[in-house]
N, C-alpha and C. Protein backbone atom coordinates (compact mmCIF):
# COMPACT_ATOMS: atom_id res chain seq x y z
N MET A 1 57.16 95.78 125.66
CA MET A 1 55.48 95.36 125.17
C MET A 1 54.87 96.33 125.66
N GLU A 2 53.85 96.50 124.82
CA GLU A 2 52.86 97.74 124.76
C GLU A 2 51.59 97.51 126.47
N THR A 3 51.35 98.66 126.23
CA THR A 3 50.28 98.50 127.47
C THR A 3 49.11 98.63 127.61
N TYR A 4 48.23 97.80 128.07
CA TYR A 4 46.49 98.26 127.19
C TYR A 4 45.95 98.33 129.03
N ASN A 5 44.48 99.27 128.74
CA ASN A 5 43.63 99.39 129.53
C ASN A 5 42.97 98.09 129.47
N ILE A 6 42.98 96.85 130.50
CA ILE A 6 42.02 96.22 130.13
C ILE A 6 40.58 96.64 130.43
N SER A 7 40.37 97.80 131.28
CA SER A 7 39.18 97.73 131.75
C SER A 7 38.38 98.34 130.38
N GLY A 8 39.10 99.09 129.57
CA GLY A 8 38.97 99.72 128.39
C GLY A 8 38.66 99.02 127.49
N LEU A 9 39.54 97.97 127.42
CA LEU A 9 39.18 96.82 126.10
C LEU A 9 38.04 95.83 126.40
N THR A 10 37.94 95.44 127.76
CA THR A 10 36.62 94.96 128.36
C THR A 10 35.67 95.43 127.92
N LYS A 11 35.47 96.67 127.93
CA LYS A 11 34.17 97.66 127.62
C LYS A 11 34.03 97.49 125.85
N LYS A 12 35.00 97.79 125.54
CA LYS A 12 35.23 97.13 123.84
C LYS A 12 34.63 96.39 123.65
N LEU A 13 35.32 95.04 124.02
CA LEU A 13 34.52 93.47 124.01
C LEU A 13 33.52 93.62 123.99
N LEU A 14 32.38 93.59 125.22
CA LEU A 14 31.50 93.47 125.60
C LEU A 14 30.42 94.36 124.76
N GLY A 15 31.30 95.55 124.11
CA GLY A 15 29.76 97.01 123.57
C GLY A 15 29.82 96.30 122.31
N SER A 16 30.87 94.98 121.50
CA SER A 16 30.80 94.92 120.22
C SER A 16 29.43 94.17 119.94
N ARG A 17 28.67 93.58 121.03
CA ARG A 17 27.68 92.77 121.18
C ARG A 17 27.81 91.65 120.25
N LEU A 18 29.28 90.86 119.96
CA LEU A 18 29.54 89.86 119.44
C LEU A 18 29.54 88.82 120.50
N LYS A 19 29.61 87.24 120.26
CA LYS A 19 29.48 86.27 121.02
C LYS A 19 30.58 85.39 120.91
N LEU A 20 31.07 85.22 119.58
CA LEU A 20 32.09 84.58 119.26
C LEU A 20 32.80 84.97 118.11
N PHE A 21 34.34 85.04 118.83
CA PHE A 21 35.38 85.76 118.31
C PHE A 21 36.37 84.26 117.46
N THR A 22 36.85 84.53 116.74
CA THR A 22 37.86 84.35 116.02
C THR A 22 38.93 85.25 116.25
N LEU A 23 40.31 84.73 116.30
CA LEU A 23 41.80 85.56 116.62
C LEU A 23 41.73 87.07 115.70
N PRO A 24 41.63 86.75 114.61
CA PRO A 24 41.68 88.27 113.74
C PRO A 24 40.12 88.89 114.06
N THR A 25 39.07 88.46 114.53
CA THR A 25 38.30 89.13 114.71
C THR A 25 38.46 90.29 116.22
N LEU A 26 39.09 89.70 117.08
CA LEU A 26 39.54 89.95 118.32
C LEU A 26 40.65 91.20 118.01
N GLN A 27 41.45 90.40 116.90
CA GLN A 27 42.49 91.51 116.59
C GLN A 27 42.45 92.97 116.10
N ASN A 28 41.34 92.89 115.48
CA ASN A 28 40.75 94.01 114.53
C ASN A 28 40.21 94.58 115.63
N LEU A 29 39.12 93.93 116.12
CA LEU A 29 38.20 94.81 117.16
C LEU A 29 39.61 95.63 118.34
N LEU A 30 39.85 94.70 119.11
CA LEU A 30 40.94 95.68 120.00
C LEU A 30 41.72 96.52 119.69
N LYS A 31 42.33 96.32 118.11
CA LYS A 31 43.18 97.20 117.37
C LYS A 31 44.86 96.68 117.92
N ILE A 32 45.05 95.70 118.68
CA ILE A 32 46.45 95.35 118.75
C ILE A 32 47.07 94.74 118.12
N GLU A 33 48.49 95.41 117.43
CA GLU A 33 49.12 94.63 116.32
C GLU A 33 49.88 93.63 116.82
N ASN A 34 50.53 93.84 117.92
CA ASN A 34 51.70 92.84 118.41
C ASN A 34 50.75 91.66 118.82
N GLU A 35 51.15 90.77 117.74
CA GLU A 35 50.20 89.20 118.24
C GLU A 35 50.73 88.61 119.97
N ARG A 36 52.02 88.59 120.51
CA ARG A 36 52.23 88.43 121.64
C ARG A 36 51.30 89.13 122.43
N THR A 37 51.46 90.57 122.56
CA THR A 37 50.28 91.68 123.40
C THR A 37 49.35 91.04 123.21
N LEU A 38 48.70 90.63 121.99
CA LEU A 38 47.06 90.19 121.85
C LEU A 38 46.59 89.20 122.97
N PHE A 39 48.10 87.59 122.42
CA PHE A 39 47.69 86.76 123.44
C PHE A 39 47.65 87.04 124.80
N ARG A 40 48.36 87.92 125.32
CA ARG A 40 48.29 88.37 127.10
C ARG A 40 47.20 88.70 127.50
N VAL A 41 46.49 89.53 126.34
CA VAL A 41 45.39 90.72 126.58
C VAL A 41 44.33 89.40 126.64
N ILE A 42 44.30 88.14 125.53
CA ILE A 42 43.15 87.05 125.90
C ILE A 42 43.60 86.46 126.78
N GLU A 43 44.68 85.89 127.35
CA GLU A 43 44.58 85.62 128.50
C GLU A 43 44.26 86.19 129.57
N THR A 44 44.39 87.58 130.10
CA THR A 44 43.83 88.04 131.20
C THR A 44 42.41 87.99 130.85
N PHE A 45 41.90 88.32 129.91
CA PHE A 45 40.39 88.06 129.40
C PHE A 45 40.03 87.05 130.07
N GLN A 46 40.55 85.71 129.81
CA GLN A 46 40.44 84.27 130.19
C GLN A 46 40.42 84.53 131.65
N LYS A 47 41.33 84.72 132.67
CA LYS A 47 41.38 84.79 133.58
C LYS A 47 40.63 85.16 134.64
N ASN A 48 40.02 86.40 134.02
CA ASN A 48 39.09 87.21 134.54
C ASN A 48 37.57 86.99 134.65
N GLY A 49 37.51 85.81 133.43
CA GLY A 49 36.19 84.99 133.09
C GLY A 49 35.55 86.24 132.07
N VAL A 50 35.99 86.70 131.20
CA VAL A 50 35.20 87.13 129.88
C VAL A 50 35.51 86.64 129.14
N LEU A 51 36.33 85.99 128.77
CA LEU A 51 36.57 84.79 127.32
C LEU A 51 36.77 83.54 127.80
N THR A 52 35.86 82.69 127.24
CA THR A 52 36.24 81.25 127.44
C THR A 52 36.76 80.74 125.67
N LYS A 53 37.59 79.72 125.94
CA LYS A 53 37.83 79.49 124.81
C LYS A 53 37.74 78.27 124.30
N ILE A 54 36.92 78.44 122.88
CA ILE A 54 36.55 77.19 122.57
C ILE A 54 37.66 75.95 121.88
N GLU A 55 38.20 76.70 120.80
CA GLU A 55 39.26 75.94 120.54
C GLU A 55 40.34 76.93 120.26
N ARG A 56 41.41 76.25 119.41
CA ARG A 56 42.64 77.36 119.37
C ARG A 56 42.17 78.10 118.50
N ASN A 57 42.43 79.37 118.95
CA ASN A 57 41.88 80.77 117.92
C ASN A 57 40.66 81.09 118.14
N LYS A 58 39.77 80.59 118.86
CA LYS A 58 38.12 80.49 118.93
C LYS A 58 37.68 80.68 120.37
N TYR A 59 36.78 82.11 120.23
CA TYR A 59 36.47 81.99 121.88
C TYR A 59 35.13 82.55 121.80
N GLN A 60 34.58 82.50 123.08
CA GLN A 60 33.20 83.00 122.86
C GLN A 60 33.08 83.62 124.56
N ILE A 61 32.05 85.04 124.69
CA ILE A 61 31.79 85.69 125.61
C ILE A 61 31.37 84.79 126.96
N THR A 62 32.11 84.40 127.74
CA THR A 62 31.64 83.69 128.69
C THR A 62 30.28 84.17 129.46
N ASP A 63 29.75 82.92 129.48
CA ASP A 63 28.28 82.98 130.22
C ASP A 63 27.42 83.57 129.29
N SER A 64 27.73 83.89 128.07
CA SER A 64 26.64 84.34 126.87
C SER A 64 26.31 82.94 126.37
N TYR A 65 24.66 83.45 125.91
CA TYR A 65 23.92 82.14 125.33
C TYR A 65 24.19 82.18 123.93
N VAL A 66 24.84 81.45 123.51
CA VAL A 66 24.82 81.09 121.96
C VAL A 66 24.41 79.72 121.29
N ASN A 67 23.45 79.73 120.73
CA ASN A 67 22.70 78.12 120.59
C ASN A 67 23.78 77.60 119.66
N SER A 68 23.45 76.36 119.72
CA SER A 68 24.40 74.97 118.70
C SER A 68 24.74 75.36 117.55
N PHE A 69 23.49 76.19 117.05
CA PHE A 69 23.70 76.11 115.33
C PHE A 69 24.54 76.97 114.90
N GLU A 70 24.60 78.38 115.90
CA GLU A 70 25.59 78.91 115.49
C GLU A 70 27.11 78.97 116.03
N VAL A 71 26.81 77.74 116.71
CA VAL A 71 27.96 77.28 117.63
C VAL A 71 28.95 76.43 116.11
N ALA A 72 28.03 75.79 115.62
CA ALA A 72 28.41 74.93 114.63
C ALA A 72 29.12 75.30 113.27
N ASN A 73 28.18 76.79 112.96
CA ASN A 73 28.64 77.11 112.13
C ASN A 73 29.89 78.07 112.19
N PHE A 74 30.54 78.41 113.41
CA PHE A 74 31.53 78.90 113.57
C PHE A 74 32.65 78.02 113.81
N LEU A 75 32.08 76.99 114.28
CA LEU A 75 33.46 76.18 114.42
C LEU A 75 34.25 75.52 112.99
N TYR A 76 33.75 75.78 111.83
CA TYR A 76 34.17 75.14 111.05
C TYR A 76 33.77 75.49 109.77
N GLN A 77 34.23 76.26 108.73
CA GLN A 77 33.60 77.27 108.04
C GLN A 77 34.62 77.28 106.63
N PRO A 78 33.76 77.09 105.46
CA PRO A 78 32.47 77.22 105.16
C PRO A 78 31.53 75.94 105.83
N SER A 79 30.27 76.34 105.99
CA SER A 79 29.73 75.22 106.76
C SER A 79 27.98 75.82 106.97
N TYR A 80 27.29 74.54 106.98
CA TYR A 80 25.75 75.27 107.36
C TYR A 80 25.14 74.00 108.01
N ILE A 81 24.18 73.93 108.58
CA ILE A 81 23.34 73.31 109.47
C ILE A 81 22.58 71.89 108.52
N SER A 82 23.04 70.78 108.04
CA SER A 82 21.93 69.95 107.45
C SER A 82 22.21 68.56 107.63
N LEU A 83 21.65 67.56 107.25
CA LEU A 83 21.82 66.51 107.27
C LEU A 83 20.45 65.55 108.44
N GLU A 84 20.72 65.04 109.39
CA GLU A 84 20.00 64.74 110.51
C GLU A 84 19.75 65.95 111.50
N THR A 85 20.44 66.52 111.39
CA THR A 85 19.97 67.88 112.53
C THR A 85 18.55 68.72 111.52
N ALA A 86 19.15 69.28 110.42
CA ALA A 86 18.12 69.82 109.62
C ALA A 86 16.83 69.11 109.12
N LEU A 87 17.03 67.91 109.01
CA LEU A 87 15.57 67.04 109.18
C LEU A 87 14.81 67.36 110.03
N ASN A 88 15.28 67.10 111.16
CA ASN A 88 14.71 66.93 112.77
C ASN A 88 14.39 68.23 112.66
N TYR A 89 14.79 69.46 112.67
CA TYR A 89 14.45 71.13 113.02
C TYR A 89 13.29 71.05 112.05
N TRP A 90 13.46 70.31 110.92
CA TRP A 90 12.13 70.75 109.73
C TRP A 90 10.79 69.77 109.75
N GLY A 91 10.94 68.78 110.83
CA GLY A 91 9.97 67.89 111.30
C GLY A 91 9.90 66.81 110.57
N ILE A 92 11.20 67.17 109.33
CA ILE A 92 10.90 65.43 108.36
C ILE A 92 11.64 64.00 108.95
N LEU A 93 12.13 64.33 110.01
CA LEU A 93 12.69 62.96 110.82
C LEU A 93 12.84 63.11 112.17
N SER A 94 11.56 62.24 112.55
CA SER A 94 11.37 62.84 114.24
C SER A 94 12.20 62.06 115.23
N GLN A 95 13.03 61.49 114.93
CA GLN A 95 14.40 60.94 115.95
C GLN A 95 15.27 62.16 115.88
N PHE A 96 15.73 62.71 117.45
CA PHE A 96 16.72 64.23 117.86
C PHE A 96 17.95 62.99 117.38
N PRO A 97 18.79 63.87 116.83
CA PRO A 97 20.54 63.29 116.35
C PRO A 97 21.06 63.28 117.75
N TYR A 98 21.82 62.27 117.62
CA TYR A 98 22.77 62.63 118.90
C TYR A 98 23.72 63.75 118.29
N GLU A 99 23.98 64.15 117.39
CA GLU A 99 25.17 65.07 117.24
C GLU A 99 24.63 65.96 116.14
N MET A 100 25.36 67.23 115.98
CA MET A 100 25.02 68.52 115.64
C MET A 100 25.71 67.81 113.75
N THR A 101 24.72 67.86 112.89
CA THR A 101 25.50 67.81 111.32
C THR A 101 25.61 69.15 110.76
N SER A 102 26.20 69.35 110.27
CA SER A 102 26.74 69.99 109.12
C SER A 102 27.16 69.93 107.64
N ILE A 103 27.23 70.52 106.93
CA ILE A 103 27.54 70.31 105.27
C ILE A 103 28.64 71.28 105.09
N THR A 104 29.77 70.70 104.62
CA THR A 104 31.17 71.77 104.32
C THR A 104 31.92 71.24 102.98
N THR A 105 32.28 72.11 102.42
CA THR A 105 33.39 71.52 101.39
C THR A 105 34.57 71.63 101.65
N LYS A 106 34.86 71.58 102.68
CA LYS A 106 36.13 71.11 103.52
C LYS A 106 36.41 69.75 104.17
N LYS A 107 37.29 69.23 104.48
CA LYS A 107 37.50 67.44 104.55
C LYS A 107 36.50 67.49 105.62
N THR A 108 36.15 66.41 105.84
CA THR A 108 34.79 65.43 106.94
C THR A 108 35.83 65.95 108.06
N VAL A 109 35.35 66.39 109.14
CA VAL A 109 35.52 66.46 110.70
C VAL A 109 34.88 66.12 111.60
N GLU A 110 35.08 66.23 112.98
CA GLU A 110 33.97 66.05 114.05
C GLU A 110 35.09 67.06 114.87
N LYS A 111 33.94 67.49 115.68
CA LYS A 111 34.83 68.99 116.89
C LYS A 111 33.92 68.16 117.89
N GLU A 112 34.33 68.70 119.22
CA GLU A 112 33.37 68.54 120.50
C GLU A 112 33.65 69.72 121.14
N PHE A 113 32.37 70.23 121.69
CA PHE A 113 32.82 71.47 122.41
C PHE A 113 31.48 71.56 123.59
N ASP A 114 31.60 71.71 124.63
CA ASP A 114 30.67 71.75 125.68
C ASP A 114 29.46 70.45 125.80
N GLY A 115 30.01 69.53 125.52
CA GLY A 115 29.56 68.10 125.46
C GLY A 115 28.77 67.95 124.05
N VAL A 116 28.76 68.86 123.74
CA VAL A 116 28.25 68.57 122.09
C VAL A 116 29.43 67.78 121.05
N THR A 117 29.19 66.87 119.99
CA THR A 117 29.71 66.51 118.99
C THR A 117 28.83 67.17 117.65
N TYR A 118 29.98 67.64 116.86
CA TYR A 118 29.43 68.98 115.83
C TYR A 118 30.70 67.81 114.97
N THR A 119 29.78 67.44 113.97
CA THR A 119 30.04 66.74 112.58
C THR A 119 30.08 67.41 111.68
N TYR A 120 31.03 67.75 110.36
CA TYR A 120 30.86 68.43 109.49
C TYR A 120 31.40 67.23 108.04
N ARG A 121 30.60 67.22 107.34
CA ARG A 121 30.22 66.14 106.28
C ARG A 121 31.28 66.77 104.76
N HIS A 122 31.64 66.13 104.19
CA HIS A 122 31.98 66.88 102.65
C HIS A 122 31.41 66.82 101.89
N ILE A 123 30.80 67.86 101.05
CA ILE A 123 29.91 67.80 99.84
C ILE A 123 30.43 68.03 98.52
N CYS A 124 30.42 67.61 97.46
CA CYS A 124 31.04 68.42 96.06
C CYS A 124 30.65 69.78 96.12
N PRO A 125 31.60 70.66 95.87
CA PRO A 125 31.28 72.18 96.13
C PRO A 125 30.11 72.95 94.99
N LYS A 126 29.77 71.78 94.44
CA LYS A 126 28.76 72.14 93.32
C LYS A 126 27.66 71.63 93.68
N TYR A 127 27.27 71.06 94.73
CA TYR A 127 26.32 70.52 95.69
C TYR A 127 26.13 71.62 97.15
N PHE A 128 27.31 72.30 97.27
CA PHE A 128 27.03 73.26 98.38
C PHE A 128 26.51 74.60 98.49
N GLY A 129 25.29 74.60 99.74
CA GLY A 129 24.54 76.03 99.16
C GLY A 129 23.14 75.62 99.50
N MET A 130 22.01 76.29 99.27
CA MET A 130 20.60 76.22 99.32
C MET A 130 20.29 76.34 101.05
N PHE A 131 20.99 77.38 101.76
CA PHE A 131 20.72 77.31 103.22
C PHE A 131 20.25 78.42 103.74
N GLU A 132 19.12 78.95 104.51
CA GLU A 132 18.95 79.66 104.92
C GLU A 132 19.33 80.73 106.14
N LYS A 133 19.18 81.51 106.49
CA LYS A 133 19.47 82.18 107.83
C LYS A 133 18.32 81.86 109.26
N VAL A 134 18.42 80.79 109.90
CA VAL A 134 17.43 80.86 110.77
C VAL A 134 18.35 81.39 112.09
N ASP A 135 17.75 82.51 113.27
CA ASP A 135 18.29 82.40 114.72
C ASP A 135 19.78 82.75 114.40
N ASN A 136 20.25 83.25 113.69
CA ASN A 136 21.74 83.92 113.45
C ASN A 136 22.58 82.25 112.82
N ALA A 137 21.62 81.61 112.35
CA ALA A 137 22.64 80.34 111.96
C ALA A 137 22.26 79.67 110.43
N LEU A 138 23.08 79.28 109.85
CA LEU A 138 23.16 78.84 108.59
C LEU A 138 22.15 77.64 108.40
N ILE A 139 21.09 76.96 107.99
CA ILE A 139 20.63 75.82 107.83
C ILE A 139 20.05 75.28 106.40
N ALA A 140 19.98 74.40 106.30
CA ALA A 140 19.85 73.88 104.78
C ALA A 140 17.99 74.07 104.62
N SER A 141 17.67 74.34 103.65
CA SER A 141 15.80 74.33 103.41
C SER A 141 15.40 72.87 103.94
N PRO A 142 14.92 72.54 103.88
CA PRO A 142 13.85 71.14 103.95
C PRO A 142 14.59 70.03 102.96
N GLU A 143 14.17 70.75 101.66
CA GLU A 143 14.79 69.90 100.45
C GLU A 143 16.10 69.83 100.42
N LYS A 144 16.77 70.86 100.40
CA LYS A 144 18.30 70.67 100.52
C LYS A 144 18.66 69.79 101.50
N ALA A 145 18.56 69.97 102.63
CA ALA A 145 18.87 68.75 103.96
C ALA A 145 18.71 67.37 103.30
N LEU A 146 17.36 67.40 102.84
CA LEU A 146 16.74 65.82 101.98
C LEU A 146 17.91 65.71 101.11
N PHE A 147 18.01 66.46 100.25
CA PHE A 147 18.88 66.03 99.23
C PHE A 147 20.12 65.52 99.68
N ASP A 148 21.12 66.50 100.54
CA ASP A 148 22.17 66.12 101.19
C ASP A 148 22.63 64.79 101.92
N GLN A 149 21.01 64.15 102.33
CA GLN A 149 21.38 63.24 103.03
C GLN A 149 21.41 61.98 102.16
N ILE A 150 20.57 62.11 101.08
CA ILE A 150 20.66 61.48 99.65
C ILE A 150 21.77 60.89 99.09
N TYR A 151 22.26 62.06 98.84
CA TYR A 151 23.93 62.29 98.24
C TYR A 151 24.65 61.75 99.22
N LEU A 152 24.95 62.04 100.30
CA LEU A 152 26.06 60.96 101.03
C LEU A 152 25.52 59.54 101.31
N ALA A 153 24.25 59.07 101.03
CA ALA A 153 24.02 57.84 101.04
C ALA A 153 24.02 57.35 99.97
N SER A 154 23.89 58.15 98.86
CA SER A 154 23.96 57.42 97.23
C SER A 154 26.03 57.42 97.50
N LYS A 155 26.71 58.01 97.86
CA LYS A 155 28.25 57.59 98.29
C LYS A 155 28.41 56.61 99.03
N GLY A 156 27.33 56.14 99.72
CA GLY A 156 27.67 54.78 100.80
C GLY A 156 28.37 55.63 101.76
N LEU A 157 27.99 56.62 102.72
CA LEU A 157 28.52 57.77 103.31
C LEU A 157 27.49 57.52 104.75
N LYS A 158 26.13 57.51 104.42
CA LYS A 158 24.63 57.47 105.29
C LYS A 158 24.06 55.89 104.99
N ILE A 159 23.41 55.49 106.15
CA ILE A 159 22.11 54.54 105.50
C ILE A 159 20.94 55.28 105.58
N LEU A 160 20.33 55.42 104.26
CA LEU A 160 18.61 55.57 104.22
C LEU A 160 17.71 54.53 105.17
N HIS A 161 16.86 55.38 105.65
CA HIS A 161 15.66 54.65 106.31
C HIS A 161 14.45 55.37 105.57
N MET A 162 13.94 55.03 104.39
CA MET A 162 12.97 56.09 103.85
C MET A 162 11.41 56.32 104.98
N ASP A 163 11.59 54.73 105.61
CA ASP A 163 10.07 55.10 106.37
C ASP A 163 10.13 55.52 107.45
N GLU A 164 11.08 56.32 108.00
CA GLU A 164 11.23 56.92 108.84
C GLU A 164 10.93 58.35 108.88
N TYR A 165 10.59 58.94 107.47
CA TYR A 165 10.84 60.38 107.14
C TYR A 165 9.28 60.95 106.85
N ASP A 166 9.13 62.02 107.16
CA ASP A 166 7.72 62.67 107.10
C ASP A 166 8.01 63.71 105.73
N PHE A 167 7.91 63.21 104.37
CA PHE A 167 7.79 63.94 103.62
C PHE A 167 6.69 65.03 103.48
N THR A 168 5.62 64.87 104.55
CA THR A 168 4.72 65.97 104.09
C THR A 168 5.22 67.48 104.62
N HIS A 169 6.66 67.46 105.28
CA HIS A 169 7.20 68.51 105.31
C HIS A 169 7.83 68.99 104.59
N ILE A 170 8.05 68.68 103.22
CA ILE A 170 8.88 69.03 102.50
C ILE A 170 8.08 69.32 100.82
N ASN A 171 8.23 70.39 99.95
CA ASN A 171 7.78 70.86 98.68
C ASN A 171 8.52 69.55 97.64
N LYS A 172 7.49 68.63 97.45
CA LYS A 172 7.92 67.69 96.33
C LYS A 172 8.50 68.00 95.01
N LYS A 173 7.78 69.44 94.96
CA LYS A 173 8.13 69.97 93.30
C LYS A 173 9.34 70.93 93.33
N THR A 174 9.23 71.34 94.70
CA THR A 174 10.91 72.01 94.47
C THR A 174 11.98 71.42 94.72
N PHE A 175 11.77 70.01 95.52
CA PHE A 175 12.86 69.07 95.91
C PHE A 175 13.41 68.40 94.42
N TRP A 176 12.05 68.20 93.64
CA TRP A 176 12.68 67.67 92.05
C TRP A 176 13.23 68.56 91.42
N ASN A 177 12.76 69.92 91.25
CA ASN A 177 13.50 70.67 90.90
C ASN A 177 15.00 71.04 91.06
N LEU A 178 14.95 71.16 92.04
CA LEU A 178 17.02 71.11 92.97
C LEU A 178 17.58 69.74 92.62
N CYS A 179 16.76 68.84 92.37
CA CYS A 179 17.63 67.64 91.66
C CYS A 179 18.00 68.11 90.02
N ALA A 180 17.20 68.57 89.84
CA ALA A 180 17.31 68.78 88.07
C ALA A 180 18.44 69.87 87.81
N GLN A 181 18.06 70.99 89.26
CA GLN A 181 18.85 72.28 88.73
C GLN A 181 20.82 72.14 88.95
N LEU A 182 20.86 70.46 90.07
CA LEU A 182 22.06 70.42 90.53
C LEU A 182 22.64 68.86 89.89
N HIS A 183 21.80 68.40 88.86
CA HIS A 183 22.18 67.60 87.86
C HIS A 183 22.25 66.37 88.75
N ALA A 184 21.64 66.14 89.39
CA ALA A 184 21.80 64.42 90.36
C ALA A 184 22.07 63.39 89.37
N ASP A 185 22.63 62.70 90.06
CA ASP A 185 23.12 61.65 89.08
C ASP A 185 22.03 60.50 89.29
N LYS A 186 22.10 59.30 88.75
CA LYS A 186 20.98 58.20 88.59
C LYS A 186 20.83 58.20 89.78
N ASN A 187 21.92 57.14 90.82
CA ASN A 187 21.85 56.88 92.18
C ASN A 187 21.21 57.71 93.23
N ILE A 188 21.06 58.86 92.86
CA ILE A 188 20.48 60.19 93.64
C ILE A 188 18.77 59.97 93.48
N ILE A 189 18.78 60.26 92.51
CA ILE A 189 17.32 59.84 91.74
C ILE A 189 16.87 58.64 91.94
N LYS A 190 17.50 57.31 92.15
CA LYS A 190 16.68 56.45 92.05
C LYS A 190 16.69 56.16 94.21
N LEU A 191 17.67 56.52 94.88
CA LEU A 191 17.22 56.37 96.08
C LEU A 191 16.27 57.82 96.79
N ALA A 192 15.85 58.30 95.51
CA ALA A 192 15.14 59.68 95.86
C ALA A 192 13.17 59.14 95.39
N GLN A 193 13.48 57.82 94.85
CA GLN A 193 12.10 57.48 94.59
C GLN A 193 10.83 57.45 95.53
N PRO A 194 11.17 56.94 96.67
CA PRO A 194 10.29 56.95 97.70
C PRO A 194 9.25 58.55 97.98
N ILE A 195 9.69 59.03 97.67
CA ILE A 195 9.44 60.70 98.27
C ILE A 195 8.07 60.76 97.33
N GLY A 196 8.24 60.41 95.98
CA GLY A 196 6.91 59.98 95.06
C GLY A 196 7.09 61.98 94.46
N LYS A 197 5.98 62.40 93.66
CA LYS A 197 6.11 63.67 92.87
C LYS A 197 5.19 64.28 93.03
């Protein structure tokens, strides 16, 4: 087995300024070809309190601050923060969601990390997008977060209580242009009527 200077590798790891790592990222950064050796080095990092395992092949620099939006993006890709979490962030929905909600083109899943539930809802690939980067995390624009919520409600996957939404925080023209651009079907348009124009 190849031998590596753990102290030197630790410096390289911390010097990267990254906080979250996938296995390929670690392998590329540390320049360790042999997978068995790589896992032994990672195990040593964990024992020394340098790395914390998030889930299989995903790690975080121990004690580094990473906001839950960044973790949500990292845990399941491709994804972006949307639905109740984004609607609350933009001030459209006052109720604070008990889970971190995201949109993905992959299958719907739920993950747990550090006491937080991360939910990823599948969306048709043609509707995936229209997000922006805020504090190193991808989050749907206010109008797109609302669209995503209505889209899932139109599929019977969400329950809408439109009286709970504050539409003063969205640009109505942008919202309806988005509906036109995405060729929203009649069910979406019908559910969106309370928004007004």
